[in-house]
Amino acid sequence: MAGIGREFMEKTKYQNLPESPQEQGLPQPPLQLPCPAEAVLIELPRVEQIRVKQVDLQTAIAKRRSLREFSRASLSLDELAYFL
């Protein structure tokens, strides 16, 4: 392998990378940013309140499929809360 590929491989080896913020002793950034004061907060339903159709694992695996087209329909608050 020659040219730019070899150069990339050499320059991205650990010993050639700059010192990380952690190695520099810098504090960890916050896990989440503060919510802006003007933001509208939406109360999601509690998980215990969400009714989910029960499906056994074998049936779920047998019926799984991959979709490449997506619906334009929005998720309901129940669906969003369940996924989160």
Protein backbone atom coordinates (compact mmCIF):
# COMPACT_ATOMS: atom_id res chain seq x y z
CA MET A 1 0.00 0.00 0.00
CA ALA A 2 1.46 3.31 -0.99
CA GLY A 3 0.50 6.92 -1.23
CA ILE A 4 -2.19 8.60 0.80
CA GLY A 5 -3.49 5.36 2.33
CA ARG A 6 -0.14 4.57 3.96
CA GLU A 7 0.25 8.20 5.09
CA PHE A 8 -3.22 8.13 6.70
CA MET A 9 -2.45 4.87 8.51
CA GLU A 10 0.81 6.26 9.90
CA LYS A 11 -0.59 9.63 10.98
CA THR A 12 -3.59 8.08 12.79
CA LYS A 13 -1.62 5.63 14.94
CA TYR A 14 -2.16 6.22 18.65
CA GLN A 15 1.37 7.48 19.24
CA ASN A 16 0.85 10.17 16.56
CA LEU A 17 -2.47 11.47 17.88
CA PRO A 18 -2.56 14.59 20.07
CA GLU A 19 -3.07 14.26 23.82
CA SER A 20 -6.77 13.76 24.62
CA PRO A 21 -8.67 16.18 26.89
CA GLN A 22 -8.83 13.37 29.48
CA GLU A 23 -5.03 12.97 29.36
CA GLN A 24 -4.72 16.75 29.75
CA GLY A 25 -6.69 16.53 33.01
CA LEU A 26 -9.62 18.56 31.71
CA PRO A 27 -13.01 17.91 33.33
CA GLN A 28 -15.55 15.70 31.59
CA PRO A 29 -18.09 17.72 29.62
CA PRO A 30 -21.68 17.64 30.90
CA LEU A 31 -23.71 14.59 29.89
CA GLN A 32 -26.56 16.82 28.77
CA LEU A 33 -26.91 20.49 27.98
CA PRO A 34 -29.23 22.66 30.06
CA CYS A 35 -32.71 23.14 28.65
CA PRO A 36 -33.25 26.65 27.22
CA ALA A 37 -35.59 28.78 29.35
CA GLU A 38 -37.97 29.33 26.41
CA ALA A 39 -38.27 25.61 25.64
CA VAL A 40 -41.67 23.97 25.92
CA LEU A 41 -41.51 20.79 27.97
CA ILE A 42 -43.96 18.03 27.12
CA GLU A 43 -44.97 15.66 29.88
CA LEU A 44 -44.76 12.08 28.59
CA PRO A 45 -47.05 9.36 29.89
CA ARG A 46 -45.59 7.09 32.55
CA VAL A 47 -44.45 3.71 31.24
CA GLU A 48 -46.90 1.95 33.54
CA GLN A 49 -49.78 3.76 31.81
CA ILE A 50 -48.83 2.64 28.28
CA ARG A 51 -50.67 -0.36 26.89
CA VAL A 52 -48.40 -2.51 24.72
CA LYS A 53 -49.52 -5.56 22.79
CA GLN A 54 -47.72 -8.56 24.26
CA VAL A 55 -45.77 -10.66 21.73
CA ASP A 56 -43.64 -13.65 22.64
CA LEU A 57 -40.00 -13.53 21.55
CA GLN A 58 -40.25 -16.38 19.02
CA THR A 59 -43.15 -14.68 17.21
CA ALA A 60 -41.38 -11.31 17.23
CA ILE A 61 -38.25 -12.87 15.69
CA ALA A 62 -40.26 -14.79 13.09
CA LYS A 63 -42.20 -11.67 12.01
CA ARG A 64 -39.28 -9.24 11.98
CA ARG A 65 -38.49 -7.45 8.74
CA SER A 66 -36.43 -4.57 7.48
CA LEU A 67 -38.14 -1.52 6.00
CA ARG A 68 -36.45 0.95 3.68
CA GLU A 69 -39.50 3.16 3.33
CA PHE A 70 -40.78 5.12 6.26
CA SER A 71 -44.19 6.53 7.12
CA ARG A 72 -44.69 10.27 7.37
CA ALA A 73 -47.07 9.70 10.29
CA SER A 74 -45.85 11.12 13.59
CA LEU A 75 -45.35 8.94 16.65
CA SER A 76 -47.97 9.23 19.36
CA LEU A 77 -46.83 10.40 22.80
CA ASP A 78 -47.36 6.85 24.08
CA GLU A 79 -45.12 5.41 21.34
CA LEU A 80 -42.44 8.02 21.96
CA ALA A 81 -42.50 7.47 25.72
CA TYR A 82 -42.28 3.69 25.24
CA PHE A 83 -39.28 3.96 22.91
CA LEU A 84 -37.48 6.40 25.20
